[in-house]
Amino acid sequence: MNFIKVNTYEELSSRAAAIICGQVALKPKCVLGLATGSSPLGTYEKIAEKNRAGEIDFSKVKTINLDEYVGLSGDHEQSYRYFMNNNLFKHINIDIDNTYVPNGCATDIEAECKAYDSLIEDLGGIDLQLLGIGYDGHIGFNEPDTYFEKATHMVTLDSSTIEANSRFFASRNDVPVTAITMGMGGIMSAKRVLLIANGKGKRDIIEKAFFGPITPALPASILQLHPNLTVIYSEN
């Protein structure tokens, strides 16, 4: 594990963007696993800046996102498809047809989950997976459990996750209670994993996840077993 502690969120975002753009430069046809939430916003801004400056080309890149709320269509302002389109994809020269997010409105969620795992395999796997981490240690929407779920699956969100995400909705009651998430198999099979976290509130869970026991009660702890993991953390 390569653990990098930086002083500011600005520095975290710059470091993460440099790693992701480095992957694209190394392999222009790479597959990037992407995440949503507040943590990667700065990273996506830095990536867009580099793209506008002509420093990096995303025309041959494919992306696959971790998760999506069940019941939200891609044009819903709180869907993760909408998030990705508006915070990254429309700001870089990527082919939107090469960007993949689970379909939260699929009529058959189980079939959608199986198709998503097949998609990862068909793409040749993920070259670099970007992750955030929840206060309870969840990655993607893989919540604390008694075992690690391998495949893409539908999950019932923990109350703490719903509470944390309620700031993005009109009220807590508007937050979907289920989501589709890539499982640990998809995440752990990525050739490289980059996890970013910022804020003093994340310090405790970072210490437990990466310097404590490996347990499905703290999903991110499984990343200790990944052969190519980079963690970038800023308390500010």
C-alpha atoms as a PDB file:
ATOM      1  CA  MET A   1       0.000   0.000   0.000  1.00  0.00           C
ATOM      2  CA  ASN A   2       1.186   3.476  -0.895  1.00  0.00           C
ATOM      3  CA  PHE A   3      -0.243   5.852   1.721  1.00  0.00           C
ATOM      4  CA  ILE A   4       0.079   9.555   0.923  1.00  0.00           C
ATOM      5  CA  LYS A   5      -0.927  12.201   3.457  1.00  0.00           C
ATOM      6  CA  VAL A   6      -1.234  15.715   2.064  1.00  0.00           C
ATOM      7  CA  ASN A   7      -2.042  19.055   3.652  1.00  0.00           C
ATOM      8  CA  THR A   8      -5.054  20.262   1.685  1.00  0.00           C
ATOM      9  CA  TYR A   9      -7.961  19.048  -0.416  1.00  0.00           C
ATOM     10  CA  GLU A  10      -6.480  21.030  -3.311  1.00  0.00           C
ATOM     11  CA  GLU A  11      -3.290  18.987  -3.107  1.00  0.00           C
ATOM     12  CA  LEU A  12      -5.262  15.753  -2.772  1.00  0.00           C
ATOM     13  CA  SER A  13      -7.240  16.585  -5.906  1.00  0.00           C
ATOM     14  CA  SER A  14      -4.104  17.490  -7.862  1.00  0.00           C
ATOM     15  CA  ARG A  15      -2.322  14.272  -6.829  1.00  0.00           C
ATOM     16  CA  ALA A  16      -5.323  12.106  -7.689  1.00  0.00           C
ATOM     17  CA  ALA A  17      -5.873  13.808 -11.048  1.00  0.00           C
ATOM     18  CA  ALA A  18      -2.193  13.348 -11.914  1.00  0.00           C
ATOM     19  CA  ILE A  19      -2.400   9.610 -11.169  1.00  0.00           C
ATOM     20  CA  ILE A  20      -5.554   9.155 -13.246  1.00  0.00           C
ATOM     21  CA  CYS A  21      -4.226  11.204 -16.160  1.00  0.00           C
ATOM     22  CA  GLY A  22      -0.966   9.267 -15.917  1.00  0.00           C
ATOM     23  CA  GLN A  23      -2.922   6.060 -16.388  1.00  0.00           C
ATOM     24  CA  VAL A  24      -4.602   7.497 -19.486  1.00  0.00           C
ATOM     25  CA  ALA A  25      -1.283   8.677 -20.905  1.00  0.00           C
ATOM     26  CA  LEU A  26       0.231   5.249 -20.299  1.00  0.00           C
ATOM     27  CA  LYS A  27      -2.723   3.429 -21.863  1.00  0.00           C
ATOM     28  CA  PRO A  28      -4.959   5.690 -24.004  1.00  0.00           C
ATOM     29  CA  LYS A  29      -7.577   2.920 -24.390  1.00  0.00           C
ATOM     30  CA  CYS A  30      -7.731   2.232 -20.657  1.00  0.00           C
ATOM     31  CA  VAL A  31     -10.817   1.479 -18.570  1.00  0.00           C
ATOM     32  CA  LEU A  32     -11.299   3.804 -15.604  1.00  0.00           C
ATOM     33  CA  GLY A  33     -13.521   2.866 -12.684  1.00  0.00           C
ATOM     34  CA  LEU A  34     -15.074   6.046 -11.334  1.00  0.00           C
ATOM     35  CA  ALA A  35     -16.808   7.168  -8.148  1.00  0.00           C
ATOM     36  CA  THR A  36     -19.303   9.835  -7.163  1.00  0.00           C
ATOM     37  CA  GLY A  37     -19.747  11.919  -4.014  1.00  0.00           C
ATOM     38  CA  SER A  38     -18.047  15.043  -2.727  1.00  0.00           C
ATOM     39  CA  SER A  39     -14.520  13.600  -2.456  1.00  0.00           C
ATOM     40  CA  PRO A  40     -13.762  13.262  -6.194  1.00  0.00           C
ATOM     41  CA  LEU A  41     -15.235  16.623  -7.259  1.00  0.00           C
ATOM     42  CA  GLY A  42     -11.917  18.426  -7.032  1.00  0.00           C
ATOM     43  CA  THR A  43     -10.181  15.584  -8.841  1.00  0.00           C
ATOM     44  CA  TYR A  44     -12.653  15.787 -11.708  1.00  0.00           C
ATOM     45  CA  GLU A  45     -12.173  19.559 -11.928  1.00  0.00           C
ATOM     46  CA  LYS A  46      -8.397  19.081 -12.195  1.00  0.00           C
ATOM     47  CA  ILE A  47      -8.827  16.394 -14.856  1.00  0.00           C
ATOM     48  CA  ALA A  48     -11.080  18.688 -16.894  1.00  0.00           C
ATOM     49  CA  GLU A  49      -8.513  21.479 -16.628  1.00  0.00           C
ATOM     50  CA  LYS A  50      -5.786  19.195 -17.975  1.00  0.00           C
ATOM     51  CA  ASN A  51      -8.038  18.079 -20.814  1.00  0.00           C
ATOM     52  CA  ARG A  52      -8.920  21.643 -21.797  1.00  0.00           C
ATOM     53  CA  ALA A  53      -5.233  22.534 -21.768  1.00  0.00           C
ATOM     54  CA  GLY A  54      -4.553  19.716 -24.210  1.00  0.00           C
ATOM     55  CA  GLU A  55      -2.415  17.798 -21.720  1.00  0.00           C
ATOM     56  CA  ILE A  56      -4.479  14.600 -21.864  1.00  0.00           C
ATOM     57  CA  ASP A  57      -6.832  12.920 -24.341  1.00  0.00           C
ATOM     58  CA  PHE A  58      -9.896  10.923 -23.243  1.00  0.00           C
ATOM     59  CA  SER A  59     -11.236  10.127 -26.719  1.00  0.00           C
ATOM     60  CA  LYS A  60     -10.381   6.414 -26.452  1.00  0.00           C
ATOM     61  CA  VAL A  61     -11.043   5.948 -22.728  1.00  0.00           C
ATOM     62  CA  LYS A  62     -13.905   3.877 -21.356  1.00  0.00           C
ATOM     63  CA  THR A  63     -15.322   4.419 -17.871  1.00  0.00           C
ATOM     64  CA  ILE A  64     -17.431   2.286 -15.592  1.00  0.00           C
ATOM     65  CA  ASN A  65     -19.034   3.683 -12.450  1.00  0.00           C
ATOM     66  CA  LEU A  66     -19.390   1.969  -9.120  1.00  0.00           C
ATOM     67  CA  ASP A  67     -23.055   2.435  -8.379  1.00  0.00           C
ATOM     68  CA  GLU A  68     -26.457   4.009  -8.905  1.00  0.00           C
ATOM     69  CA  TYR A  69     -29.605   4.554  -6.869  1.00  0.00           C
ATOM     70  CA  VAL A  70     -32.465   2.206  -7.657  1.00  0.00           C
ATOM     71  CA  GLY A  71     -35.440   4.139  -8.998  1.00  0.00           C
ATOM     72  CA  LEU A  72     -33.592   7.238 -10.272  1.00  0.00           C
ATOM     73  CA  SER A  73     -33.362   7.798 -14.016  1.00  0.00           C
ATOM     74  CA  GLY A  74     -30.244   9.268 -15.570  1.00  0.00           C
ATOM     75  CA  ASP A  75     -31.837  12.694 -15.923  1.00  0.00           C
ATOM     76  CA  HIS A  76     -32.700  12.928 -12.213  1.00  0.00           C
ATOM     77  CA  GLU A  77     -30.471  15.566 -10.639  1.00  0.00           C
ATOM     78  CA  GLN A  78     -29.422  13.227  -7.814  1.00  0.00           C
ATOM     79  CA  SER A  79     -28.709  10.207  -9.984  1.00  0.00           C
ATOM     80  CA  TYR A  80     -25.095   9.234 -10.371  1.00  0.00           C
ATOM     81  CA  ARG A  81     -25.375   9.278 -14.170  1.00  0.00           C
ATOM     82  CA  TYR A  82     -26.428  12.934 -13.925  1.00  0.00           C
ATOM     83  CA  PHE A  83     -23.568  13.592 -11.484  1.00  0.00           C
ATOM     84  CA  MET A  84     -20.959  12.116 -13.799  1.00  0.00           C
ATOM     85  CA  ASN A  85     -22.285  13.849 -16.904  1.00  0.00           C
ATOM     86  CA  ASN A  86     -22.313  17.258 -15.248  1.00  0.00           C
ATOM     87  CA  ASN A  87     -19.153  17.009 -13.159  1.00  0.00           C
ATOM     88  CA  LEU A  88     -16.839  15.256 -15.606  1.00  0.00           C
ATOM     89  CA  PHE A  89     -18.046  13.817 -18.880  1.00  0.00           C
ATOM     90  CA  LYS A  90     -19.369  17.012 -20.469  1.00  0.00           C
ATOM     91  CA  HIS A  91     -16.102  18.773 -19.583  1.00  0.00           C
ATOM     92  CA  ILE A  92     -13.727  16.331 -21.309  1.00  0.00           C
ATOM     93  CA  ASN A  93     -13.451  14.867 -24.810  1.00  0.00           C
ATOM     94  CA  ILE A  94     -14.857  11.456 -23.935  1.00  0.00           C
ATOM     95  CA  ASP A  95     -17.368   9.544 -26.053  1.00  0.00           C
ATOM     96  CA  ILE A  96     -20.481   9.411 -23.850  1.00  0.00           C
ATOM     97  CA  ASP A  97     -21.273   5.992 -25.333  1.00  0.00           C
ATOM     98  CA  ASN A  98     -18.078   4.729 -23.701  1.00  0.00           C
ATOM     99  CA  THR A  99     -19.250   5.717 -20.218  1.00  0.00           C
ATOM    100  CA  TYR A 100     -21.191   3.191 -18.164  1.00  0.00           C
ATOM    101  CA  VAL A 101     -23.329   3.608 -15.042  1.00  0.00           C
ATOM    102  CA  PRO A 102     -25.727   0.953 -13.695  1.00  0.00           C
ATOM    103  CA  ASN A 103     -29.338   1.414 -14.811  1.00  0.00           C
ATOM    104  CA  GLY A 104     -31.239   2.151 -11.616  1.00  0.00           C
ATOM    105  CA  CYS A 105     -34.538   1.970 -13.491  1.00  0.00           C
ATOM    106  CA  ALA A 106     -33.983  -1.482 -15.006  1.00  0.00           C
ATOM    107  CA  THR A 107     -37.115  -3.611 -14.900  1.00  0.00           C
ATOM    108  CA  ASP A 108     -35.034  -6.598 -13.811  1.00  0.00           C
ATOM    109  CA  ILE A 109     -32.417  -5.456 -11.285  1.00  0.00           C
ATOM    110  CA  GLU A 110     -30.902  -8.915 -10.890  1.00  0.00           C
ATOM    111  CA  ALA A 111     -30.359  -9.163 -14.648  1.00  0.00           C
ATOM    112  CA  GLU A 112     -28.892  -5.649 -14.684  1.00  0.00           C
ATOM    113  CA  CYS A 113     -26.388  -6.647 -11.998  1.00  0.00           C
ATOM    114  CA  LYS A 114     -25.295  -9.742 -13.923  1.00  0.00           C
ATOM    115  CA  ALA A 115     -25.003  -7.726 -17.118  1.00  0.00           C
ATOM    116  CA  TYR A 116     -22.822  -5.191 -15.348  1.00  0.00           C
ATOM    117  CA  ASP A 117     -20.354  -7.862 -14.237  1.00  0.00           C
ATOM    118  CA  SER A 118     -20.319  -9.214 -17.788  1.00  0.00           C
ATOM    119  CA  LEU A 119     -19.622  -5.699 -19.049  1.00  0.00           C
ATOM    120  CA  ILE A 120     -16.578  -5.375 -16.769  1.00  0.00           C
ATOM    121  CA  GLU A 121     -15.291  -8.683 -18.092  1.00  0.00           C
ATOM    122  CA  ASP A 122     -15.997  -7.748 -21.720  1.00  0.00           C
ATOM    123  CA  LEU A 123     -14.084  -4.485 -21.285  1.00  0.00           C
ATOM    124  CA  GLY A 124     -11.078  -6.475 -20.150  1.00  0.00           C
ATOM    125  CA  GLY A 125     -11.329  -5.408 -16.528  1.00  0.00           C
ATOM    126  CA  ILE A 126     -10.660  -2.075 -14.871  1.00  0.00           C
ATOM    127  CA  ASP A 127      -7.193  -0.562 -15.200  1.00  0.00           C
ATOM    128  CA  LEU A 128      -7.603   1.976 -12.389  1.00  0.00           C
ATOM    129  CA  GLN A 129     -10.470   2.160  -9.894  1.00  0.00           C
ATOM    130  CA  LEU A 130     -11.114   5.436  -8.065  1.00  0.00           C
ATOM    131  CA  LEU A 131     -12.803   5.114  -4.665  1.00  0.00           C
ATOM    132  CA  GLY A 132     -14.013   7.237  -1.804  1.00  0.00           C
ATOM    133  CA  ILE A 133     -14.812   5.876   1.643  1.00  0.00           C
ATOM    134  CA  GLY A 134     -17.881   6.308   3.834  1.00  0.00           C
ATOM    135  CA  TYR A 135     -17.798   7.071   7.530  1.00  0.00           C
ATOM    136  CA  ASP A 136     -18.782   3.452   8.175  1.00  0.00           C
ATOM    137  CA  GLY A 137     -16.097   2.174   5.808  1.00  0.00           C
ATOM    138  CA  HIS A 138     -18.319   1.469   2.823  1.00  0.00           C
ATOM    139  CA  ILE A 139     -16.842   1.617  -0.685  1.00  0.00           C
ATOM    140  CA  GLY A 140     -19.226   2.020  -3.566  1.00  0.00           C
ATOM    141  CA  PHE A 141     -22.448   1.078  -1.805  1.00  0.00           C
ATOM    142  CA  ASN A 142     -20.922  -2.030  -0.247  1.00  0.00           C
ATOM    143  CA  GLU A 143     -22.197  -1.578   3.295  1.00  0.00           C
ATOM    144  CA  PRO A 144     -20.893  -3.247   6.497  1.00  0.00           C
ATOM    145  CA  ASP A 145     -21.955  -6.884   6.480  1.00  0.00           C
ATOM    146  CA  THR A 146     -21.037 -10.341   7.729  1.00  0.00           C
ATOM    147  CA  TYR A 147     -19.358 -11.264   4.422  1.00  0.00           C
ATOM    148  CA  PHE A 148     -17.848  -9.601   1.370  1.00  0.00           C
ATOM    149  CA  GLU A 149     -20.289  -9.571  -1.549  1.00  0.00           C
ATOM    150  CA  LYS A 150     -18.361 -10.461  -4.700  1.00  0.00           C
ATOM    151  CA  ALA A 151     -20.763  -9.680  -7.530  1.00  0.00           C
ATOM    152  CA  THR A 152     -22.596  -6.527  -8.532  1.00  0.00           C
ATOM    153  CA  HIS A 153     -25.782  -6.525  -6.472  1.00  0.00           C
ATOM    154  CA  MET A 154     -28.669  -4.515  -5.092  1.00  0.00           C
ATOM    155  CA  VAL A 155     -28.108  -3.323  -1.546  1.00  0.00           C
ATOM    156  CA  THR A 156     -30.345  -1.812   1.113  1.00  0.00           C
ATOM    157  CA  LEU A 157     -28.572   1.303   2.308  1.00  0.00           C
ATOM    158  CA  ASP A 158     -27.626   1.726   5.957  1.00  0.00           C
ATOM    159  CA  SER A 159     -29.375   4.499   7.838  1.00  0.00           C
ATOM    160  CA  SER A 160     -26.010   6.259   8.284  1.00  0.00           C
ATOM    161  CA  THR A 161     -25.490   6.289   4.510  1.00  0.00           C
ATOM    162  CA  ILE A 162     -28.988   7.612   3.914  1.00  0.00           C
ATOM    163  CA  GLU A 163     -28.413  10.308   6.537  1.00  0.00           C
ATOM    164  CA  ALA A 164     -25.051  11.291   5.007  1.00  0.00           C
ATOM    165  CA  ASN A 165     -26.562  11.539   1.514  1.00  0.00           C
ATOM    166  CA  SER A 166     -29.701  13.369   2.625  1.00  0.00           C
ATOM    167  CA  ARG A 167     -27.881  16.708   2.248  1.00  0.00           C
ATOM    168  CA  PHE A 168     -28.178  16.274  -1.514  1.00  0.00           C
ATOM    169  CA  PHE A 169     -31.965  15.796  -1.408  1.00  0.00           C
ATOM    170  CA  ALA A 170     -34.874  17.982  -0.352  1.00  0.00           C
ATOM    171  CA  SER A 171     -35.368  15.762   2.702  1.00  0.00           C
ATOM    172  CA  ARG A 172     -34.157  12.496   4.185  1.00  0.00           C
ATOM    173  CA  ASN A 173     -37.360  10.825   3.014  1.00  0.00           C
ATOM    174  CA  ASP A 174     -36.413  11.550  -0.599  1.00  0.00           C
ATOM    175  CA  VAL A 175     -33.208   9.513  -0.454  1.00  0.00           C
ATOM    176  CA  PRO A 176     -33.605   6.122  -2.184  1.00  0.00           C
ATOM    177  CA  VAL A 177     -33.198   3.223   0.231  1.00  0.00           C
ATOM    178  CA  THR A 178     -31.716   0.783  -2.292  1.00  0.00           C
ATOM    179  CA  ALA A 179     -28.937   0.978  -4.855  1.00  0.00           C
ATOM    180  CA  ILE A 180     -27.006  -1.118  -7.356  1.00  0.00           C
ATOM    181  CA  THR A 181     -23.326  -1.397  -6.527  1.00  0.00           C
ATOM    182  CA  MET A 182     -20.304  -3.061  -8.024  1.00  0.00           C
ATOM    183  CA  GLY A 183     -19.257  -5.856  -5.701  1.00  0.00           C
ATOM    184  CA  MET A 184     -15.895  -6.509  -4.125  1.00  0.00           C
ATOM    185  CA  GLY A 185     -14.951  -8.842  -6.977  1.00  0.00           C
ATOM    186  CA  GLY A 186     -15.102  -6.052  -9.530  1.00  0.00           C
ATOM    187  CA  ILE A 187     -13.264  -3.616  -7.281  1.00  0.00           C
ATOM    188  CA  MET A 188     -10.541  -6.025  -6.201  1.00  0.00           C
ATOM    189  CA  SER A 189      -9.948  -7.237  -9.759  1.00  0.00           C
ATOM    190  CA  ALA A 190      -8.966  -3.712 -10.848  1.00  0.00           C
ATOM    191  CA  LYS A 191      -5.290  -3.603 -11.758  1.00  0.00           C
ATOM    192  CA  ARG A 192      -4.812  -0.499  -9.626  1.00  0.00           C
ATOM    193  CA  VAL A 193      -6.938   1.122  -6.896  1.00  0.00           C
ATOM    194  CA  LEU A 194      -6.812   4.776  -5.867  1.00  0.00           C
ATOM    195  CA  LEU A 195      -8.754   5.758  -2.745  1.00  0.00           C
ATOM    196  CA  ILE A 196      -9.134   9.388  -1.719  1.00  0.00           C
ATOM    197  CA  ALA A 197     -10.499  10.815   1.537  1.00  0.00           C
ATOM    198  CA  ASN A 198     -10.497  14.263   3.078  1.00  0.00           C
ATOM    199  CA  GLY A 199     -11.550  15.878   6.323  1.00  0.00           C
ATOM    200  CA  LYS A 200     -10.684  15.212   9.958  1.00  0.00           C
ATOM    201  CA  GLY A 201     -13.918  13.251  10.263  1.00  0.00           C
ATOM    202  CA  LYS A 202     -12.454  10.546   8.006  1.00  0.00           C
ATOM    203  CA  ARG A 203      -9.283  10.049  10.054  1.00  0.00           C
ATOM    204  CA  ASP A 204     -10.723   7.389  12.350  1.00  0.00           C
ATOM    205  CA  ILE A 205     -12.194   5.258   9.582  1.00  0.00           C
ATOM    206  CA  ILE A 206      -9.004   5.570   7.502  1.00  0.00           C
ATOM    207  CA  GLU A 207      -6.936   4.276  10.424  1.00  0.00           C
ATOM    208  CA  LYS A 208      -9.327   1.392  11.055  1.00  0.00           C
ATOM    209  CA  ALA A 209      -9.674   0.454   7.379  1.00  0.00           C
ATOM    210  CA  PHE A 210      -5.992   0.399   6.486  1.00  0.00           C
ATOM    211  CA  PHE A 211      -4.221  -0.239   9.760  1.00  0.00           C
ATOM    212  CA  GLY A 212      -6.711  -2.539  11.492  1.00  0.00           C
ATOM    213  CA  PRO A 213      -8.122  -6.025  10.951  1.00  0.00           C
ATOM    214  CA  ILE A 214      -9.663  -7.069   7.639  1.00  0.00           C
ATOM    215  CA  THR A 215     -13.384  -7.597   8.197  1.00  0.00           C
ATOM    216  CA  PRO A 216     -16.606  -7.313   6.166  1.00  0.00           C
ATOM    217  CA  ALA A 217     -17.916  -5.193   9.026  1.00  0.00           C
ATOM    218  CA  LEU A 218     -15.595  -2.540   7.577  1.00  0.00           C
ATOM    219  CA  PRO A 219     -15.749  -3.145   3.809  1.00  0.00           C
ATOM    220  CA  ALA A 220     -12.804  -0.948   2.803  1.00  0.00           C
ATOM    221  CA  SER A 221     -10.467  -3.058   4.928  1.00  0.00           C
ATOM    222  CA  ILE A 222     -10.364  -5.691   2.171  1.00  0.00           C
ATOM    223  CA  LEU A 223      -8.296  -3.232   0.138  1.00  0.00           C
ATOM    224  CA  GLN A 224      -5.339  -4.077   2.370  1.00  0.00           C
ATOM    225  CA  LEU A 225      -5.105  -7.231   0.247  1.00  0.00           C
ATOM    226  CA  HIS A 226      -4.927  -5.365  -3.064  1.00  0.00           C
ATOM    227  CA  PRO A 227      -1.463  -5.570  -4.640  1.00  0.00           C
ATOM    228  CA  ASN A 228      -1.522  -2.040  -6.082  1.00  0.00           C
ATOM    229  CA  LEU A 229      -3.352   0.318  -3.716  1.00  0.00           C
ATOM    230  CA  THR A 230      -2.741   4.035  -3.272  1.00  0.00           C
ATOM    231  CA  VAL A 231      -4.516   6.008  -0.529  1.00  0.00           C
ATOM    232  CA  ILE A 232      -4.408   9.814  -0.545  1.00  0.00           C
ATOM    233  CA  TYR A 233      -5.686  11.503   2.598  1.00  0.00           C
ATOM    234  CA  SER A 234      -5.987  15.100   3.722  1.00  0.00           C
ATOM    235  CA  GLU A 235      -7.377  16.203   7.078  1.00  0.00           C
ATOM    236  CA  ASN A 236      -8.242  19.631   5.647  1.00  0.00           C
END
